[in-house]
Amino acid sequence: MSRKDFWKLVLLSSVISAGLVLFFLRWPSPPPIRAEFSQNGARTFDTQLTDVEKTNIQIYETLGPGVVNVTSITVDYNFWLQPIPREGVGSGFFIDTEGHIATNFHVIQNAEKLEVTIYGKTESYKATVVGADPMNDLAILKIDCPADACHPLKLGTSDSLKVGQRVLAIGNPFGLERTLTTGIISSLGRTIESRGGVIDEVIQTDAAINPGNSGGPLLNSRGEVIGVNTAILSRTGESAGIGFAVPVNTLSRILPDLLEHGKVLRPYFGAEGRALTSELARALRRYGLDIPVDEGFLVEMVRPGGTADRAGITGGNERVFFGNRPLIVGGDVIVELGGKAIKSGDDVANILEDKRPGEKVEIVYFRNGRKETRNIELVSSEGASRRLRF
């Protein structure tokens, strides 16, 4: 091939290549492949919110701002006695527009520092403890609350609650602020242990309560506080559908004392003993004691300075054995206090829980087989750290 023919071939090849490039550039791209998805047959229902849902939403939106997040800083010490700050979280709720907040005692117990986070505010507010009642696991805090940020919840009553009644709990489980859960009252009249004794008439609910809910309100369908969420029964530490709330009547009863005195002024009965049963009564009669009743509170020992001491109640003077248990017999048997029947020391304590020092109540007891009735004045519990466990 001559040089001239070679360059002709090169030129022809270039022209053909350029034409092919131009052709494919102008060729339209194929449409993208799209996966087809059809929901033919799926159905919806043209229904409005139910009345129950509307109530839930209204309570949450209206009362949720009244619930606060309580952060407590406590100090522990390591092996080398170096201080280690630890942070805990709980809940609380406003009870007035002055910045008073109700919560649990165990939420603020041993706290070196307390902070409260409120709805719509980014900063935290320093809180001080106004009053505390370890026995009922309740406490009142106070913050300098902005005028537009204190949203008090209405305290209802726990007198007429019914098992099966719908309830709502608002709190901060695991620090998740203003969480709403719903349920029913599962039982009433429960008794649980507290840091300072025994809490009576506790409300049981299946509304989910988890760590962090403590101190938050338990509400009825009218948005009234009927209890203060305080504890759960669980093997894992998380909600198992058994939660407990201190009844609001307890909070209402002790609130004036907490606000004025920082503690609850309780009468101090000052007597120790045990429940008199029919079996025990028969055994004591065999010892030759004159026990004309089968139920009551058998007084074994009276503490100096208490209500029982000043009222002239006497303890036992002889030590005997009932089965393998020692007891002191010969003391008075209390059968009534304040017009209510007494069958154990817990009955005495429950009656006194509703009383205040200085009040006068009637007491009925048996001494040496003879019935006695007296009016006695209740003495202050100053110096007594907790209610006597009989």
Protein backbone atom coordinates (compact mmCIF):
# COMPACT_ATOMS: atom_id res chain seq x y z
CA MET A 1 0.00 0.00 0.00
CA SER A 2 1.29 3.37 -0.98
CA ARG A 3 1.71 6.14 1.57
CA LYS A 4 -1.11 8.06 -0.11
CA ASP A 5 -3.57 5.14 0.23
CA PHE A 6 -2.58 4.69 3.89
CA TRP A 7 -3.48 8.26 4.83
CA LYS A 8 -6.75 7.98 2.91
CA LEU A 9 -7.63 4.93 5.03
CA VAL A 10 -6.75 6.74 8.27
CA LEU A 11 -8.87 9.74 7.31
CA LEU A 12 -11.84 7.50 6.40
CA SER A 13 -11.61 5.63 9.71
CA SER A 14 -11.56 8.92 11.64
CA VAL A 15 -14.63 10.19 9.83
CA ILE A 16 -16.53 6.96 10.51
CA SER A 17 -15.52 6.99 14.25
CA ALA A 18 -16.62 10.61 14.66
CA GLY A 19 -19.93 9.82 13.02
CA LEU A 20 -20.56 6.88 15.31
CA VAL A 21 -19.78 8.96 18.41
CA LEU A 22 -22.09 11.72 17.29
CA PHE A 23 -24.84 9.20 16.55
CA PHE A 24 -24.77 7.58 19.98
CA LEU A 25 -24.60 10.92 21.77
CA ARG A 26 -27.84 11.93 20.12
CA TRP A 27 -29.52 8.52 20.76
CA PRO A 28 -32.13 8.90 23.60
CA SER A 29 -31.29 7.08 26.87
CA PRO A 30 -33.61 4.23 27.84
CA PRO A 31 -36.04 5.06 30.67
CA PRO A 32 -34.88 3.96 34.16
CA ILE A 33 -36.25 0.67 35.39
CA ARG A 34 -38.71 1.30 38.24
CA ALA A 35 -39.89 -1.31 40.71
CA GLU A 36 -43.62 -1.40 40.74
CA PHE A 37 -45.46 -1.63 44.13
CA SER A 38 -49.15 -1.67 44.49
CA GLN A 39 -51.26 -1.51 47.67
CA ASN A 40 -54.42 -2.52 45.94
CA GLY A 41 -56.72 -4.03 48.51
CA ALA A 42 -55.29 -2.14 51.51
CA ARG A 43 -58.07 -0.53 53.51
CA THR A 44 -58.38 2.34 55.94
CA PHE A 45 -61.23 3.44 58.16
CA ASP A 46 -62.67 6.89 58.07
CA THR A 47 -63.05 7.22 61.86
CA GLN A 48 -62.31 10.05 64.25
CA LEU A 49 -60.36 9.88 67.51
CA THR A 50 -62.24 8.03 70.22
CA ASP A 51 -63.38 9.84 73.34
CA VAL A 52 -60.74 7.98 75.34
CA GLU A 53 -58.00 9.06 72.92
CA LYS A 54 -59.22 12.65 73.03
CA THR A 55 -59.09 12.58 76.83
CA ASN A 56 -55.57 11.16 76.81
CA ILE A 57 -54.38 13.84 74.43
CA GLN A 58 -56.12 16.64 76.29
CA ILE A 59 -54.68 15.56 79.66
CA TYR A 60 -51.18 15.16 78.25
CA GLU A 61 -51.15 18.48 76.39
CA THR A 62 -52.79 20.42 79.23
CA LEU A 63 -51.15 18.86 82.28
CA GLY A 64 -47.85 17.60 80.85
CA PRO A 65 -46.19 21.03 81.37
CA GLY A 66 -46.90 20.69 85.09
CA VAL A 67 -44.65 17.63 85.36
CA VAL A 68 -40.94 18.24 85.92
CA ASN A 69 -37.72 16.28 85.70
CA VAL A 70 -35.78 16.07 88.97
CA THR A 71 -32.04 15.40 88.82
CA SER A 72 -30.22 14.57 92.04
CA ILE A 73 -26.45 14.56 92.50
CA THR A 74 -25.17 12.30 95.28
CA VAL A 75 -21.58 11.64 96.27
CA ASP A 76 -20.11 8.17 96.74
CA TYR A 77 -16.54 7.25 97.60
CA ASN A 78 -14.27 4.76 95.87
CA PHE A 79 -11.75 2.39 97.47
CA TRP A 80 -9.28 5.26 97.94
CA LEU A 81 -12.00 7.44 99.55
CA GLN A 82 -12.10 9.72 96.54
CA PRO A 83 -15.51 11.37 96.01
CA ILE A 84 -17.44 10.18 92.97
CA PRO A 85 -20.53 12.19 91.97
CA ARG A 86 -23.49 10.09 90.84
CA GLU A 87 -26.57 11.35 89.08
CA GLY A 88 -30.11 10.08 89.50
CA VAL A 89 -33.33 11.10 87.80
CA GLY A 90 -36.93 11.22 88.93
CA SER A 91 -40.13 13.10 88.39
CA GLY A 92 -42.25 15.65 90.23
CA PHE A 93 -45.16 17.99 89.66
CA PHE A 94 -46.10 21.53 90.60
CA ILE A 95 -48.66 21.91 93.38
CA ASP A 96 -48.90 25.72 93.21
CA THR A 97 -47.73 28.72 91.19
CA GLU A 98 -45.03 29.59 93.74
CA GLY A 99 -42.67 26.86 92.59
CA HIS A 100 -43.47 24.11 95.11
CA ILE A 101 -43.01 20.63 93.66
CA ALA A 102 -44.17 17.28 95.05
CA THR A 103 -41.93 14.25 94.53
CA ASN A 104 -40.72 11.11 96.31
CA PHE A 105 -38.35 11.21 99.25
CA HIS A 106 -36.18 8.50 97.71
CA VAL A 107 -35.69 10.70 94.61
CA ILE A 108 -33.94 13.39 96.68
CA GLN A 109 -32.50 11.27 99.50
CA ASN A 110 -28.85 12.09 100.32
CA ALA A 111 -28.66 14.53 97.40
CA GLU A 112 -25.82 17.06 97.49
CA LYS A 113 -27.43 19.01 94.67
CA LEU A 114 -30.91 19.08 93.15
CA GLU A 115 -31.88 20.46 89.76
CA VAL A 116 -35.28 20.68 88.10
CA THR A 117 -35.99 20.86 84.38
CA ILE A 118 -39.35 22.32 83.46
CA TYR A 119 -41.41 22.40 80.30
CA GLY A 120 -40.38 24.86 77.62
CA LYS A 121 -37.14 25.93 79.35
CA THR A 122 -33.67 24.88 78.27
CA GLU A 123 -31.91 25.71 81.54
CA SER A 124 -32.21 23.80 84.80
CA TYR A 125 -33.31 25.38 88.07
CA LYS A 126 -31.69 24.79 91.44
CA ALA A 127 -34.13 23.19 93.89
CA THR A 128 -34.18 23.23 97.68
CA VAL A 129 -35.92 20.75 99.96
CA VAL A 130 -38.80 22.41 101.84
CA GLY A 131 -39.94 19.31 103.68
CA ALA A 132 -39.64 15.54 103.61
CA ASP A 133 -41.49 12.57 105.04
CA PRO A 134 -39.47 9.35 104.68
CA MET A 135 -42.30 7.30 106.18
CA ASN A 136 -44.66 8.05 103.28
CA ASP A 137 -41.82 8.51 100.76
CA LEU A 138 -42.88 12.07 99.97
CA ALA A 139 -41.00 15.36 99.72
CA ILE A 140 -41.65 18.95 98.70
CA LEU A 141 -39.12 20.97 96.69
CA LYS A 142 -39.03 24.67 95.83
CA ILE A 143 -37.57 26.47 92.83
CA ASP A 144 -37.52 30.10 91.74
CA CYS A 145 -40.02 29.48 89.02
CA PRO A 146 -40.67 31.90 86.14
CA ALA A 147 -44.22 33.24 86.27
CA ASP A 148 -45.18 31.57 83.00
CA ALA A 149 -43.65 28.19 83.78
CA CYS A 150 -45.40 26.98 86.97
CA HIS A 151 -48.40 24.89 85.95
CA PRO A 152 -49.88 23.34 89.11
CA LEU A 153 -51.86 20.12 88.94
CA LYS A 154 -55.10 19.82 90.87
CA LEU A 155 -55.02 17.47 93.85
CA GLY A 156 -58.06 15.21 93.78
CA THR A 157 -59.14 12.66 96.36
CA SER A 158 -58.42 8.96 96.78
CA ASP A 159 -61.52 8.25 98.90
CA SER A 160 -63.78 6.89 96.20
CA LEU A 161 -61.36 5.11 93.87
CA LYS A 162 -62.52 1.85 92.28
CA VAL A 163 -60.60 -1.14 90.98
CA GLY A 164 -60.86 -1.03 87.20
CA GLN A 165 -60.91 2.77 87.04
CA ARG A 166 -58.76 4.19 84.22
CA VAL A 167 -55.64 6.09 85.25
CA LEU A 168 -52.81 7.94 83.52
CA ALA A 169 -49.20 8.37 84.63
CA ILE A 170 -46.92 11.15 83.41
CA GLY A 171 -43.22 11.06 84.24
CA ASN A 172 -39.67 10.75 83.00
CA PRO A 173 -38.83 7.05 82.78
CA PHE A 174 -35.10 6.56 82.15
CA GLY A 175 -34.84 10.33 81.75
CA LEU A 176 -37.25 10.44 78.78
CA GLU A 177 -39.16 13.58 79.65
CA ARG A 178 -42.94 13.80 79.95
CA THR A 179 -43.86 10.26 78.94
CA LEU A 180 -47.52 9.28 79.16
CA THR A 181 -48.69 5.77 80.04
CA THR A 182 -52.20 4.57 80.74
CA GLY A 183 -53.80 1.70 82.59
CA ILE A 184 -56.28 0.90 85.32
CA ILE A 185 -56.33 0.67 89.09
CA SER A 186 -55.47 -2.97 89.70
CA SER A 187 -56.00 -3.00 93.45
CA LEU A 188 -56.45 -0.74 96.46
CA GLY A 189 -55.35 -0.80 100.08
CA ARG A 190 -51.91 -2.27 99.47
CA THR A 191 -49.16 -1.91 102.08
CA ILE A 192 -45.54 -1.45 101.04
CA GLU A 193 -42.27 -0.80 102.86
CA SER A 194 -40.74 2.67 102.68
CA ARG A 195 -37.42 4.10 103.84
CA GLY A 196 -39.05 5.20 107.07
CA GLY A 197 -41.67 2.58 107.84
CA VAL A 198 -44.80 1.35 106.12
CA ILE A 199 -47.05 3.13 103.62
CA ASP A 200 -50.69 2.13 103.93
CA GLU A 201 -53.64 2.34 101.53
CA VAL A 202 -51.32 2.28 98.50
CA ILE A 203 -52.80 2.27 94.98
CA GLN A 204 -51.72 -0.55 92.65
CA THR A 205 -51.82 0.09 88.91
CA ASP A 206 -50.80 -1.62 85.69
CA ALA A 207 -49.94 1.70 84.00
CA ALA A 208 -46.28 1.34 83.01
CA ILE A 209 -44.03 2.81 85.70
CA ASN A 210 -40.27 2.56 85.27
CA PRO A 211 -37.19 4.01 86.99
CA GLY A 212 -37.50 7.78 86.57
CA ASN A 213 -41.29 7.78 86.98
CA SER A 214 -40.91 8.04 90.76
CA GLY A 215 -42.49 11.23 92.06
CA GLY A 216 -44.70 11.77 89.03
CA PRO A 217 -48.48 12.07 89.22
CA LEU A 218 -51.04 9.32 88.81
CA LEU A 219 -54.13 10.98 87.32
CA ASN A 220 -57.77 10.11 86.87
CA SER A 221 -59.77 10.81 83.71
CA ARG A 222 -60.61 14.30 84.97
CA GLY A 223 -56.94 15.18 85.16
CA GLU A 224 -56.86 15.21 88.97
CA VAL A 225 -53.90 13.83 90.88
CA ILE A 226 -55.01 10.72 92.77
CA GLY A 227 -51.57 9.41 93.68
CA VAL A 228 -47.80 9.90 93.56
CA ASN A 229 -46.01 7.10 91.69
CA THR A 230 -43.46 5.61 94.04
CA ALA A 231 -42.46 1.99 93.40
CA ILE A 232 -42.73 -1.07 91.18
CA LEU A 233 -42.69 -4.79 91.81
CA SER A 234 -40.32 -6.33 89.28
CA ARG A 235 -37.62 -8.98 89.02
CA THR A 236 -35.70 -6.95 86.42
CA GLY A 237 -36.10 -3.40 87.74
CA GLU A 238 -38.33 -2.49 84.80
CA SER A 239 -42.10 -2.33 84.54
CA ALA A 240 -43.82 -5.67 85.00
CA GLY A 241 -47.31 -4.23 85.17
CA ILE A 242 -47.32 -3.86 88.95
CA GLY A 243 -46.76 -0.29 90.05
CA PHE A 244 -47.62 1.51 93.27
CA ALA A 245 -48.65 5.07 94.07
CA VAL A 246 -48.99 6.85 97.40
CA PRO A 247 -52.64 7.99 97.64
CA VAL A 248 -53.16 11.72 97.21
CA ASN A 249 -55.07 11.88 100.50
CA THR A 250 -51.79 11.11 102.26
CA LEU A 251 -50.06 13.96 100.42
CA SER A 252 -52.91 16.38 101.17
CA ARG A 253 -52.90 15.45 104.84
CA ILE A 254 -49.19 15.97 105.46
CA LEU A 255 -48.69 18.88 103.04
CA PRO A 256 -49.40 21.68 105.56
CA ASP A 257 -46.85 20.22 108.00
CA LEU A 258 -44.21 19.85 105.29
CA LEU A 259 -44.66 23.42 104.11
CA GLU A 260 -44.69 24.93 107.61
CA HIS A 261 -42.39 22.69 109.62
CA GLY A 262 -40.38 20.78 107.03
CA LYS A 263 -41.55 17.49 108.55
CA VAL A 264 -44.72 15.76 109.67
CA LEU A 265 -45.71 16.29 113.30
CA ARG A 266 -46.87 12.87 114.43
CA PRO A 267 -48.15 11.57 117.74
CA TYR A 268 -45.84 9.13 119.50
CA PHE A 269 -47.72 6.28 121.13
CA GLY A 270 -44.67 4.64 122.66
CA ALA A 271 -45.89 1.11 123.32
CA GLU A 272 -44.58 -2.20 122.04
CA GLY A 273 -46.37 -5.51 121.99
CA ARG A 274 -48.11 -7.93 119.69
CA ALA A 275 -51.50 -8.81 118.26
CA LEU A 276 -53.72 -10.79 120.57
CA THR A 277 -55.27 -13.75 118.78
CA SER A 278 -57.79 -16.31 120.04
CA GLU A 279 -55.02 -18.91 120.18
CA LEU A 280 -52.75 -16.63 122.22
CA ALA A 281 -55.65 -15.62 124.49
CA ARG A 282 -56.38 -19.28 125.30
CA ALA A 283 -52.72 -19.90 126.06
CA LEU A 284 -52.58 -16.90 128.40
CA ARG A 285 -55.69 -18.09 130.24
CA ARG A 286 -53.91 -21.37 130.87
CA TYR A 287 -51.20 -19.32 132.57
CA GLY A 288 -53.91 -17.99 134.88
CA LEU A 289 -54.26 -14.55 133.30
CA ASP A 290 -57.67 -12.93 133.06
CA ILE A 291 -58.03 -12.21 129.32
CA PRO A 292 -61.74 -11.62 128.56
CA VAL A 293 -61.26 -10.88 124.82
CA ASP A 294 -59.80 -12.79 121.87
CA GLU A 295 -58.62 -9.81 119.84
CA GLY A 296 -56.69 -6.65 120.63
CA PHE A 297 -53.18 -5.31 121.11
CA LEU A 298 -51.30 -6.90 124.00
CA VAL A 299 -48.95 -4.28 125.49
CA GLU A 300 -45.60 -5.75 126.51
CA MET A 301 -43.57 -2.59 127.14
CA VAL A 302 -44.29 1.14 127.45
CA ARG A 303 -41.69 3.74 126.47
CA PRO A 304 -41.21 6.68 128.86
CA GLY A 305 -42.63 10.02 127.71
CA GLY A 306 -44.96 8.68 125.04
CA THR A 307 -48.71 8.92 124.77
CA ALA A 308 -49.24 5.48 126.31
CA ASP A 309 -46.97 6.31 129.25
CA ARG A 310 -48.73 9.58 130.01
CA ALA A 311 -52.12 7.91 129.65
CA GLY A 312 -51.20 5.34 132.29
CA ILE A 313 -51.09 2.30 129.99
CA THR A 314 -49.02 -0.46 131.59
CA GLY A 315 -46.83 -3.14 130.10
CA GLY A 316 -46.25 -6.71 131.14
CA ASN A 317 -44.38 -7.95 134.21
CA GLU A 318 -43.85 -11.65 133.54
CA ARG A 319 -41.90 -13.43 130.83
CA VAL A 320 -43.44 -16.57 129.33
CA PHE A 321 -43.13 -18.57 126.14
CA PHE A 322 -45.77 -18.94 123.47
CA GLY A 323 -44.52 -21.84 121.42
CA ASN A 324 -40.84 -21.00 121.08
CA ARG A 325 -41.39 -17.25 121.22
CA PRO A 326 -40.86 -15.30 124.42
CA LEU A 327 -43.34 -12.60 125.37
CA ILE A 328 -44.02 -10.40 128.35
CA VAL A 329 -47.52 -10.78 129.77
CA GLY A 330 -49.59 -9.03 132.40
CA GLY A 331 -49.97 -5.76 130.52
CA ASP A 332 -53.06 -3.99 129.24
CA VAL A 333 -54.95 -5.20 126.16
CA ILE A 334 -56.01 -2.26 123.96
CA VAL A 335 -59.20 -2.95 122.00
CA GLU A 336 -60.25 0.54 120.76
CA LEU A 337 -58.57 3.82 119.91
CA GLY A 338 -60.37 6.89 118.58
CA GLY A 339 -63.57 4.89 118.14
CA LYS A 340 -61.92 2.24 115.95
CA ALA A 341 -61.28 -1.38 116.78
CA ILE A 342 -57.69 -2.40 117.50
CA LYS A 343 -56.44 -5.86 116.57
CA SER A 344 -52.71 -5.17 116.24
CA GLY A 345 -50.02 -2.55 116.67
CA ASP A 346 -50.37 -1.65 113.00
CA ASP A 347 -53.97 -0.63 113.71
CA VAL A 348 -52.72 1.73 116.41
CA ALA A 349 -50.16 3.22 114.03
CA ASN A 350 -52.68 3.61 111.19
CA ILE A 351 -55.12 5.49 113.42
CA LEU A 352 -52.41 7.79 114.76
CA GLU A 353 -51.24 8.54 111.22
CA ASP A 354 -54.38 10.65 110.78
CA LYS A 355 -53.98 12.43 114.11
CA ARG A 356 -51.81 15.28 115.32
CA PRO A 357 -50.09 15.99 118.66
CA GLY A 358 -52.40 17.69 121.12
CA GLU A 359 -55.54 15.94 119.87
CA LYS A 360 -57.57 13.98 122.37
CA VAL A 361 -58.89 10.51 121.60
CA GLU A 362 -60.72 7.85 123.54
CA ILE A 363 -58.90 4.63 124.36
CA VAL A 364 -60.54 1.40 125.54
CA TYR A 365 -58.46 -1.35 127.14
CA PHE A 366 -58.67 -4.28 129.55
CA ARG A 367 -56.56 -4.46 132.70
CA ASN A 368 -56.74 -7.56 134.90
CA GLY A 369 -59.99 -8.51 133.20
CA ARG A 370 -61.63 -5.14 133.82
CA LYS A 371 -62.63 -2.80 130.99
CA GLU A 372 -61.29 0.75 131.19
CA THR A 373 -62.17 3.80 129.05
CA ARG A 374 -60.18 7.03 129.11
CA ASN A 375 -59.66 10.19 127.07
CA ILE A 376 -55.98 10.69 126.36
CA GLU A 377 -53.95 13.49 124.79
CA LEU A 378 -51.60 12.57 121.97
CA VAL A 379 -47.95 13.43 122.54
CA SER A 380 -45.53 14.69 119.89
CA SER A 381 -43.20 12.26 118.17
CA GLU A 382 -40.16 14.48 118.77
CA GLY A 383 -37.19 12.24 119.22
CA ALA A 384 -38.84 9.30 117.46
CA SER A 385 -37.23 8.78 114.06
CA ARG A 386 -39.91 6.48 112.68
CA ARG A 387 -43.24 4.95 113.50
CA LEU A 388 -42.95 1.99 115.83
CA ARG A 389 -43.17 -1.37 114.05
CA PHE A 390 -45.15 -3.59 116.39
